[in-house]
Amino acid sequence: MKNIRVSDNRRFLVQQDGSPFFYLGDTAWELFHRLTREESVLYLKDRAAKKFTVIQAVLLSEFGLNSPNANGDVPLLNNNPATPNEKYFQHVDFIVNTANELGMMIGMLPTWGDKWFQSYGLGPEIFTPENAAVYGEWLGKRYRDSSIIWILGGDRPIETETHRAIIEATATGLKAGDGERHLMTFHPKNSESSSQYFQNAAWLDFNMLQSGHHGIDVPNDEMIARDYAARPIKPCLDAEPCYENHPVKTPGWRERDDRFGDYDARKAAYRALFAGAFGHTYGCHDIWMFWEPDGDFGNHVGNTIWTKALQFPGAGQMQYARALLESKPFLSRIPDQSLILESDSTLYATRDETNTYALIYFPKKAAATIDLRMFSGQPVRASWFDTRDGSVQEMGNINAAQQEFQSPATKVEEDWVLVLDKIE
């Protein structure tokens, strides 16, 4: 039996008893490779306190195939996926168990993508369909009873039939090993989604997209909308949006001096969630690689030691988005841009299918006219939700077919959520 499952309406993830599971992820790609046991406990306790539910980490990480982990162990013997190093995986076991004990799941990537498609990165390519199946089955058996989600791929596209065969063989091996107890998805490269390659694959339980780090205000809501409309219906989320403190990239991928901040991270989260995503993944540039001044991180440019980066504001603010959505009927939420009749800025709307509430995200200071006819003439309680601290400003009751709202922002780049609740 799987730890969690897809909801009956195919839009969300739920616990085995049918209660909602909010996927609030953090990208900790190098967790198994970089951190000691003590450091991993420090990191995991911080993320649990901030209400994260999934930690995305890579077994064969970008830097970790030939570079040993904090204990001096490499993951494979002779770089052979069929001969995992027991000592390395004992360290992984400790981290997985600690996360589970703290109430979080591990979004576990069997490997980073350069190990099966070295279009760039350190590589080397070590996977074939045959050893991918063996490795997958071994992993499935080892983590059969752990609370995990399998994430295949690892930031690379599918360009050949061999690539596809390796991924399919890994999925087959994992299912054979764990008895199909865990959900499975695929992490694609920048600006792509798993739906482009595996929408019809039976093993793909939900879609992941990567909106990436290549510019300000990448329209991840449009990417979510495409996956939301895809058939067969599968839950979807943005599993790698712009990372807090990541250098902003120009279209030519030249690094600039400016970096994404908590405001950018919040916008990515609310846009995706209100467009229909069932959850969201936060990321921090200094956290995914656990940056330290004297470490070898290739061409990745960090500037804040990871223990300090834990306290960047964006990470703590993600829990407020989770709390807001969990405070409303969860499994009947749908996107609905038709609620926005007129606005001097782009807004994002979601509501309950049975019209008990509506939420409108104002990414910046703006005025908008909102359609209230969904509430069938019943009075509506209106309030403003502060995305920075989760506090609420009550506005009182409204009984009208439509109403103009001005966000309470004190500067242009300040985001709020308009909350509309039907009064019975």
Protein backbone atom coordinates (compact mmCIF):
# COMPACT_ATOMS: atom_id res chain seq x y z
CA MET A 1 0.00 0.00 0.00
CA LYS A 2 1.30 3.45 -0.90
CA ASN A 3 2.02 6.09 1.74
CA ILE A 4 -0.16 8.60 -0.05
CA ARG A 5 -2.31 8.30 -3.14
CA VAL A 6 -3.97 10.37 -5.83
CA SER A 7 -7.38 11.77 -4.87
CA ASP A 8 -10.53 10.35 -6.43
CA ASN A 9 -10.93 13.45 -8.63
CA ARG A 10 -7.31 13.02 -9.84
CA ARG A 11 -6.37 16.60 -8.93
CA PHE A 12 -4.69 16.25 -5.53
CA LEU A 13 -2.76 13.89 -3.27
CA VAL A 14 -4.38 12.45 -0.16
CA GLN A 15 -3.53 10.29 2.82
CA GLN A 16 -4.78 6.73 2.83
CA ASP A 17 -7.87 7.84 4.79
CA GLY A 18 -8.73 10.39 2.10
CA SER A 19 -7.59 13.49 4.02
CA PRO A 20 -5.63 16.05 1.96
CA PHE A 21 -1.86 15.88 1.66
CA PHE A 22 -0.30 19.26 0.93
CA TYR A 23 2.94 18.80 -0.99
CA LEU A 24 5.17 21.59 0.32
CA GLY A 25 8.59 20.66 -0.99
CA ASP A 26 12.12 21.92 -0.51
CA THR A 27 14.95 21.28 -2.95
CA ALA A 28 17.85 19.71 -1.06
CA TRP A 29 19.48 17.98 -4.02
CA GLU A 30 22.86 17.45 -2.30
CA LEU A 31 21.48 16.41 1.10
CA PHE A 32 22.72 12.81 1.04
CA HIS A 33 26.09 13.82 -0.38
CA ARG A 34 27.13 16.97 1.50
CA LEU A 35 25.85 16.78 5.08
CA THR A 36 26.94 14.86 8.13
CA ARG A 37 24.31 13.19 10.28
CA GLU A 38 24.35 16.11 12.71
CA GLU A 39 24.03 18.66 9.91
CA SER A 40 21.21 16.73 8.26
CA VAL A 41 19.27 16.69 11.54
CA LEU A 42 19.74 20.47 11.84
CA TYR A 43 18.45 21.00 8.32
CA LEU A 44 15.50 18.61 8.62
CA LYS A 45 14.35 20.00 11.96
CA ASP A 46 14.33 23.49 10.50
CA ARG A 47 12.24 22.42 7.51
CA ALA A 48 9.81 20.47 9.70
CA ALA A 49 9.34 23.54 11.90
CA LYS A 50 8.52 25.55 8.77
CA LYS A 51 5.81 23.01 7.84
CA PHE A 52 7.50 21.45 4.81
CA THR A 53 6.16 18.00 3.96
CA VAL A 54 8.52 16.77 1.20
CA ILE A 55 12.30 17.03 0.92
CA GLN A 56 13.57 16.53 -2.66
CA ALA A 57 17.04 14.93 -2.64
CA VAL A 58 19.24 12.97 -5.06
CA LEU A 59 20.96 9.64 -4.36
CA LEU A 60 23.53 9.96 -7.17
CA SER A 61 23.82 13.72 -7.02
CA GLU A 62 25.31 16.17 -9.48
CA PHE A 63 28.64 16.25 -7.62
CA GLY A 64 28.43 12.95 -5.81
CA LEU A 65 29.30 10.06 -8.10
CA ASN A 66 33.08 10.23 -7.77
CA SER A 67 33.23 12.69 -4.88
CA PRO A 68 32.59 10.97 -1.52
CA ASN A 69 29.93 12.00 0.97
CA ALA A 70 30.63 13.59 4.35
CA ASN A 71 31.68 10.17 5.68
CA GLY A 72 34.12 9.50 2.85
CA ASP A 73 31.90 7.03 0.96
CA VAL A 74 30.89 7.05 -2.70
CA PRO A 75 27.43 5.74 -3.65
CA LEU A 76 28.45 2.98 -6.06
CA LEU A 77 31.28 0.49 -6.28
CA ASN A 78 33.19 1.01 -9.54
CA ASN A 79 30.45 3.43 -10.70
CA ASN A 80 28.22 0.42 -11.32
CA PRO A 81 24.49 0.94 -10.57
CA ALA A 82 24.21 -2.79 -9.95
CA THR A 83 26.67 -2.60 -7.02
CA PRO A 84 25.55 0.09 -4.55
CA ASN A 85 27.91 0.91 -1.65
CA GLU A 86 26.27 -0.28 1.57
CA LYS A 87 28.07 2.28 3.74
CA TYR A 88 26.84 5.18 1.61
CA PHE A 89 23.26 3.95 1.75
CA GLN A 90 23.38 3.48 5.51
CA HIS A 91 23.92 7.24 5.68
CA VAL A 92 20.96 7.73 3.33
CA ASP A 93 18.86 5.45 5.54
CA PHE A 94 19.57 7.64 8.55
CA ILE A 95 18.45 10.79 6.75
CA VAL A 96 15.31 9.17 5.33
CA ASN A 97 14.34 7.80 8.74
CA THR A 98 14.97 11.14 10.41
CA ALA A 99 12.81 12.98 7.90
CA ASN A 100 10.03 10.41 8.33
CA GLU A 101 10.21 10.70 12.12
CA LEU A 102 9.79 14.47 11.74
CA GLY A 103 6.65 13.95 9.66
CA MET A 104 8.18 14.60 6.23
CA MET A 105 8.52 12.45 3.12
CA ILE A 106 11.61 12.23 0.94
CA GLY A 107 11.11 13.03 -2.73
CA MET A 108 13.88 10.64 -3.75
CA LEU A 109 15.67 10.91 -7.09
CA PRO A 110 17.55 7.69 -7.86
CA THR A 111 20.04 9.74 -9.87
CA TRP A 112 20.68 13.15 -11.37
CA GLY A 113 20.09 13.20 -15.10
CA ASP A 114 23.69 13.59 -16.21
CA LYS A 115 24.26 9.96 -15.21
CA TRP A 116 21.94 8.79 -18.01
CA PHE A 117 22.23 11.78 -20.41
CA GLN A 118 25.36 13.89 -20.10
CA SER A 119 24.25 16.72 -22.32
CA TYR A 120 26.12 18.81 -19.75
CA GLY A 121 27.29 18.22 -16.20
CA LEU A 122 29.92 16.00 -14.67
CA GLY A 123 28.46 12.62 -15.56
CA PRO A 124 29.67 10.11 -16.55
CA GLU A 125 26.81 8.28 -18.21
CA ILE A 126 26.63 4.96 -16.37
CA PHE A 127 23.07 3.76 -16.95
CA THR A 128 21.67 1.28 -19.40
CA PRO A 129 18.11 -0.05 -19.38
CA GLU A 130 19.44 -3.30 -17.91
CA ASN A 131 21.35 -1.89 -14.92
CA ALA A 132 18.67 0.80 -14.37
CA ALA A 133 16.15 -1.98 -13.73
CA VAL A 134 18.51 -3.73 -11.31
CA TYR A 135 19.27 -0.49 -9.46
CA GLY A 136 15.60 0.46 -9.34
CA GLU A 137 14.53 -2.88 -7.89
CA TRP A 138 17.29 -2.73 -5.27
CA LEU A 139 16.17 0.76 -4.23
CA GLY A 140 12.52 -0.27 -4.19
CA LYS A 141 13.22 -3.15 -1.83
CA ARG A 142 15.44 -1.06 0.44
CA TYR A 143 12.92 1.77 0.88
CA ARG A 144 9.78 -0.32 0.61
CA ASP A 145 8.64 0.66 4.11
CA SER A 146 9.85 4.29 4.05
CA SER A 147 7.71 7.37 3.45
CA ILE A 148 9.01 8.49 0.08
CA ILE A 149 7.99 9.63 -3.38
CA TRP A 150 10.05 8.43 -6.34
CA ILE A 151 11.21 11.22 -8.65
CA LEU A 152 12.82 9.99 -11.87
CA GLY A 153 14.66 12.14 -14.38
CA GLY A 154 16.85 14.81 -12.88
CA ASP A 155 16.93 17.97 -15.01
CA ARG A 156 17.46 16.36 -18.42
CA PRO A 157 15.19 15.88 -21.46
CA ILE A 158 14.27 12.64 -23.19
CA GLU A 159 15.96 12.85 -26.59
CA THR A 160 16.49 9.21 -27.60
CA GLU A 161 14.74 5.89 -27.24
CA THR A 162 17.58 4.79 -24.98
CA HIS A 163 16.85 7.66 -22.60
CA ARG A 164 13.21 6.65 -22.49
CA ALA A 165 14.10 3.00 -21.98
CA ILE A 166 16.34 3.85 -19.02
CA ILE A 167 13.59 5.82 -17.30
CA GLU A 168 10.98 3.16 -18.03
CA ALA A 169 13.30 0.43 -16.75
CA THR A 170 13.98 2.37 -13.55
CA ALA A 171 10.24 2.78 -12.97
CA THR A 172 9.66 -0.93 -13.59
CA GLY A 173 12.44 -1.88 -11.20
CA LEU A 174 11.20 0.44 -8.46
CA LYS A 175 7.68 -0.94 -8.70
CA ALA A 176 8.95 -4.52 -8.58
CA GLY A 177 11.04 -3.72 -5.52
CA ASP A 178 8.59 -1.73 -3.44
CA GLY A 179 5.40 -3.51 -4.46
CA GLU A 180 3.99 -0.26 -5.94
CA ARG A 181 3.74 1.31 -2.48
CA HIS A 182 4.97 4.74 -3.50
CA LEU A 183 3.89 7.43 -5.93
CA MET A 184 6.18 8.19 -8.85
CA THR A 185 6.86 11.19 -11.10
CA PHE A 186 9.55 12.70 -13.37
CA HIS A 187 11.66 15.85 -12.83
CA PRO A 188 12.27 17.53 -16.23
CA LYS A 189 14.72 20.15 -17.42
CA ASN A 190 14.10 23.89 -17.32
CA SER A 191 10.86 25.11 -18.96
CA GLU A 192 9.55 21.57 -19.46
CA SER A 193 7.10 19.21 -17.78
CA SER A 194 6.92 15.47 -17.27
CA SER A 195 3.69 15.61 -19.28
CA GLN A 196 5.71 16.24 -22.46
CA TYR A 197 7.25 12.78 -22.20
CA PHE A 198 5.17 10.53 -19.98
CA GLN A 199 1.59 11.84 -19.77
CA ASN A 200 0.20 8.45 -20.78
CA ALA A 201 2.63 6.35 -18.75
CA ALA A 202 0.82 4.27 -16.14
CA TRP A 203 3.68 4.71 -13.67
CA LEU A 204 3.51 8.55 -13.77
CA ASP A 205 1.15 9.36 -10.88
CA PHE A 206 1.44 13.14 -11.09
CA ASN A 207 3.14 15.75 -13.24
CA MET A 208 6.15 17.84 -12.30
CA LEU A 209 7.31 20.90 -14.18
CA GLN A 210 10.34 23.11 -13.80
CA SER A 211 9.66 26.80 -14.45
CA GLY A 212 13.27 27.51 -13.59
CA HIS A 213 15.51 30.47 -12.90
CA HIS A 214 15.95 32.16 -16.27
CA GLY A 215 14.03 35.37 -15.64
CA ILE A 216 11.75 37.44 -13.45
CA ASP A 217 8.08 36.46 -13.47
CA VAL A 218 8.35 33.31 -15.55
CA PRO A 219 4.65 32.45 -16.18
CA ASN A 220 4.58 29.14 -14.31
CA ASP A 221 0.80 29.54 -14.02
CA GLU A 222 0.56 29.01 -17.78
CA MET A 223 2.67 25.85 -17.50
CA ILE A 224 0.42 24.58 -14.71
CA ALA A 225 -2.66 25.42 -16.76
CA ARG A 226 -1.39 23.28 -19.63
CA ASP A 227 -0.79 20.30 -17.36
CA TYR A 228 -4.13 20.89 -15.62
CA ALA A 229 -5.88 20.66 -18.99
CA ALA A 230 -3.94 17.58 -20.15
CA ARG A 231 -5.60 14.20 -20.41
CA PRO A 232 -5.66 11.78 -18.73
CA ILE A 233 -6.10 14.01 -15.69
CA LYS A 234 -3.13 13.96 -13.33
CA PRO A 235 -2.22 16.21 -10.40
CA CYS A 236 0.48 18.78 -11.22
CA LEU A 237 2.92 21.10 -9.48
CA ASP A 238 5.96 23.29 -10.09
CA ALA A 239 8.82 21.31 -8.54
CA GLU A 240 11.59 23.78 -9.40
CA PRO A 241 10.63 27.46 -9.64
CA CYS A 242 13.04 30.37 -9.15
CA TYR A 243 15.17 29.74 -6.07
CA GLU A 244 15.50 32.34 -3.38
CA ASN A 245 18.96 33.96 -3.67
CA HIS A 246 19.62 32.35 -7.06
CA PRO A 247 21.28 34.67 -9.61
CA VAL A 248 18.70 35.95 -12.07
CA LYS A 249 19.60 34.68 -15.53
CA THR A 250 19.23 36.56 -18.79
CA PRO A 251 17.80 34.66 -21.77
CA GLY A 252 21.38 33.85 -22.77
CA TRP A 253 22.05 32.40 -19.31
CA ARG A 254 24.57 35.06 -18.36
CA GLU A 255 24.58 35.63 -14.63
CA ARG A 256 23.55 39.04 -13.37
CA ASP A 257 24.30 40.64 -10.04
CA ASP A 258 20.69 40.58 -8.88
CA ARG A 259 19.19 37.52 -7.20
CA PHE A 260 15.66 36.27 -6.65
CA GLY A 261 14.20 37.20 -3.27
CA ASP A 262 11.35 36.04 -1.09
CA TYR A 263 8.91 38.14 -3.12
CA ASP A 264 9.82 36.19 -6.27
CA ALA A 265 9.49 32.87 -4.43
CA ARG A 266 6.04 33.81 -3.13
CA LYS A 267 4.79 34.90 -6.54
CA ALA A 268 5.86 31.59 -8.06
CA ALA A 269 4.04 29.69 -5.31
CA TYR A 270 0.72 31.54 -5.38
CA ARG A 271 0.55 31.76 -9.17
CA ALA A 272 1.05 28.03 -9.51
CA LEU A 273 -1.28 27.05 -6.68
CA PHE A 274 -4.10 29.29 -7.86
CA ALA A 275 -3.69 27.98 -11.43
CA GLY A 276 -4.50 24.47 -10.19
CA ALA A 277 -1.31 23.00 -8.72
CA PHE A 278 -1.91 20.56 -5.86
CA GLY A 279 1.21 21.73 -4.02
CA HIS A 280 4.46 23.58 -4.56
CA THR A 281 8.22 23.28 -4.13
CA TYR A 282 10.31 26.09 -2.66
CA GLY A 283 14.00 26.30 -3.39
CA CYS A 284 17.01 28.22 -2.14
CA HIS A 285 20.20 28.46 -4.18
CA ASP A 286 22.48 28.10 -1.16
CA ILE A 287 20.43 25.25 0.33
CA TRP A 288 20.14 22.89 -2.65
CA MET A 289 23.93 22.54 -2.76
CA PHE A 290 24.52 23.27 0.96
CA TRP A 291 26.97 25.99 0.02
CA GLU A 292 30.06 26.75 2.07
CA PRO A 293 32.86 29.16 1.12
CA ASP A 294 35.52 26.48 0.75
CA GLY A 295 33.43 23.88 -1.10
CA ASP A 296 33.68 22.72 -4.71
CA PHE A 297 30.42 23.62 -6.42
CA GLY A 298 31.56 23.92 -10.02
CA ASN A 299 30.13 27.01 -11.71
CA HIS A 300 27.27 27.39 -9.21
CA VAL A 301 27.65 30.73 -7.44
CA GLY A 302 26.53 30.79 -3.81
CA ASN A 303 27.09 33.65 -1.42
CA THR A 304 25.50 32.66 1.90
CA ILE A 305 26.58 29.73 4.04
CA TRP A 306 23.71 27.25 4.09
CA THR A 307 23.15 27.36 7.85
CA LYS A 308 22.41 31.09 7.53
CA ALA A 309 20.40 30.62 4.35
CA LEU A 310 18.01 28.39 6.32
CA GLN A 311 16.57 31.62 7.73
CA PHE A 312 15.90 33.38 4.44
CA PRO A 313 12.33 34.73 4.72
CA GLY A 314 10.88 32.92 1.71
CA ALA A 315 11.27 29.48 3.29
CA GLY A 316 9.29 30.49 6.35
CA GLN A 317 6.59 32.20 4.28
CA MET A 318 5.66 29.09 2.29
CA GLN A 319 3.81 27.68 5.30
CA TYR A 320 1.30 30.55 5.14
CA ALA A 321 0.23 29.55 1.63
CA ARG A 322 -0.23 26.01 2.89
CA ALA A 323 -2.19 27.17 5.94
CA LEU A 324 -4.49 29.36 3.83
CA LEU A 325 -5.42 26.56 1.44
CA GLU A 326 -5.76 23.98 4.20
CA SER A 327 -8.17 26.31 6.02
CA LYS A 328 -10.66 25.95 3.14
CA PRO A 329 -12.36 22.94 1.53
CA PHE A 330 -9.29 21.44 -0.11
CA LEU A 331 -10.23 18.72 -2.58
CA SER A 332 -12.87 20.78 -4.39
CA ARG A 333 -10.62 23.75 -5.26
CA ILE A 334 -10.46 24.79 -8.93
CA PRO A 335 -8.83 27.68 -10.84
CA ASP A 336 -11.23 30.32 -12.13
CA GLN A 337 -9.93 33.48 -13.82
CA SER A 338 -13.48 34.47 -14.79
CA LEU A 339 -13.94 35.93 -11.32
CA ILE A 340 -11.71 38.85 -12.31
CA LEU A 341 -13.93 41.22 -14.27
CA GLU A 342 -11.49 44.10 -14.53
CA SER A 343 -8.04 44.82 -13.16
CA ASP A 344 -5.12 47.19 -13.67
CA SER A 345 -2.73 44.25 -13.11
CA THR A 346 -2.60 40.50 -13.72
CA LEU A 347 -4.30 38.63 -10.89
CA TYR A 348 -4.86 34.93 -10.19
CA ALA A 349 -8.09 33.38 -8.90
CA THR A 350 -9.15 30.07 -7.41
CA ARG A 351 -12.37 28.97 -5.74
CA ASP A 352 -14.32 26.11 -4.30
CA GLU A 353 -16.39 24.08 -6.79
CA THR A 354 -19.38 24.49 -4.51
CA ASN A 355 -18.83 28.26 -4.25
CA THR A 356 -18.17 28.52 -0.53
CA TYR A 357 -15.04 30.65 -1.00
CA ALA A 358 -12.81 32.38 -3.51
CA LEU A 359 -9.19 33.52 -3.29
CA ILE A 360 -7.67 36.21 -5.52
CA TYR A 361 -3.91 36.71 -5.57
CA PHE A 362 -2.72 40.30 -6.08
CA PRO A 363 1.02 39.98 -6.94
CA LYS A 364 1.46 43.73 -6.59
CA LYS A 365 -0.42 46.85 -5.62
CA ALA A 366 -3.55 46.87 -7.75
CA ALA A 367 -7.27 47.52 -7.98
CA ALA A 368 -9.74 45.03 -9.43
CA THR A 369 -13.44 44.43 -9.88
CA ILE A 370 -14.40 40.93 -8.76
CA ASP A 371 -17.49 38.97 -9.81
CA LEU A 372 -19.43 37.86 -6.69
CA ARG A 373 -22.37 36.20 -8.42
CA MET A 374 -20.95 32.78 -7.58
CA PHE A 375 -22.21 33.37 -4.04
CA SER A 376 -25.84 33.49 -5.30
CA GLY A 377 -26.76 36.73 -3.59
CA GLN A 378 -25.56 35.57 -0.18
CA PRO A 379 -23.46 38.00 1.86
CA VAL A 380 -19.71 37.55 1.62
CA ARG A 381 -17.08 38.09 4.29
CA ALA A 382 -14.07 39.80 2.75
CA SER A 383 -10.57 39.96 4.16
CA TRP A 384 -6.96 40.45 3.10
CA PHE A 385 -4.39 37.74 3.76
CA ASP A 386 -0.79 38.89 4.26
CA THR A 387 1.50 36.47 2.40
CA ARG A 388 4.51 37.56 4.47
CA ASP A 389 3.24 36.60 7.92
CA GLY A 390 -0.15 34.91 7.47
CA SER A 391 -2.04 37.67 9.28
CA VAL A 392 -5.53 38.77 8.21
CA GLN A 393 -7.10 42.19 7.76
CA GLU A 394 -10.90 41.98 7.97
CA MET A 395 -12.95 44.21 5.65
CA GLY A 396 -16.46 43.28 6.74
CA ASN A 397 -19.41 41.84 4.84
CA ILE A 398 -20.42 42.56 1.25
CA ASN A 399 -23.71 41.86 -0.48
CA ALA A 400 -23.36 42.77 -4.15
CA ALA A 401 -23.07 41.18 -7.59
CA GLN A 402 -19.64 42.69 -8.05
CA GLN A 403 -17.24 44.74 -6.02
CA GLU A 404 -14.07 46.75 -6.58
CA PHE A 405 -11.15 45.97 -4.27
CA GLN A 406 -7.90 47.84 -3.74
CA SER A 407 -5.09 45.79 -2.26
CA PRO A 408 -3.66 47.21 0.98
CA ALA A 409 -0.11 47.20 -0.43
CA THR A 410 2.05 50.11 0.70
CA LYS A 411 4.43 49.75 -2.27
CA VAL A 412 4.11 48.51 -5.83
CA GLU A 413 5.92 45.18 -5.30
CA GLU A 414 3.86 43.86 -2.41
CA ASP A 415 1.55 40.87 -2.71
CA TRP A 416 -1.71 40.06 -0.91
CA VAL A 417 -4.54 37.54 -1.21
CA LEU A 418 -8.15 38.65 -1.24
CA VAL A 419 -10.21 36.09 0.71
CA LEU A 420 -13.95 35.86 0.05
CA ASP A 421 -16.04 33.53 2.24
CA LYS A 422 -19.74 32.87 1.77
CA ILE A 423 -21.81 33.59 4.87
CA GLU A 424 -24.54 31.00 5.30
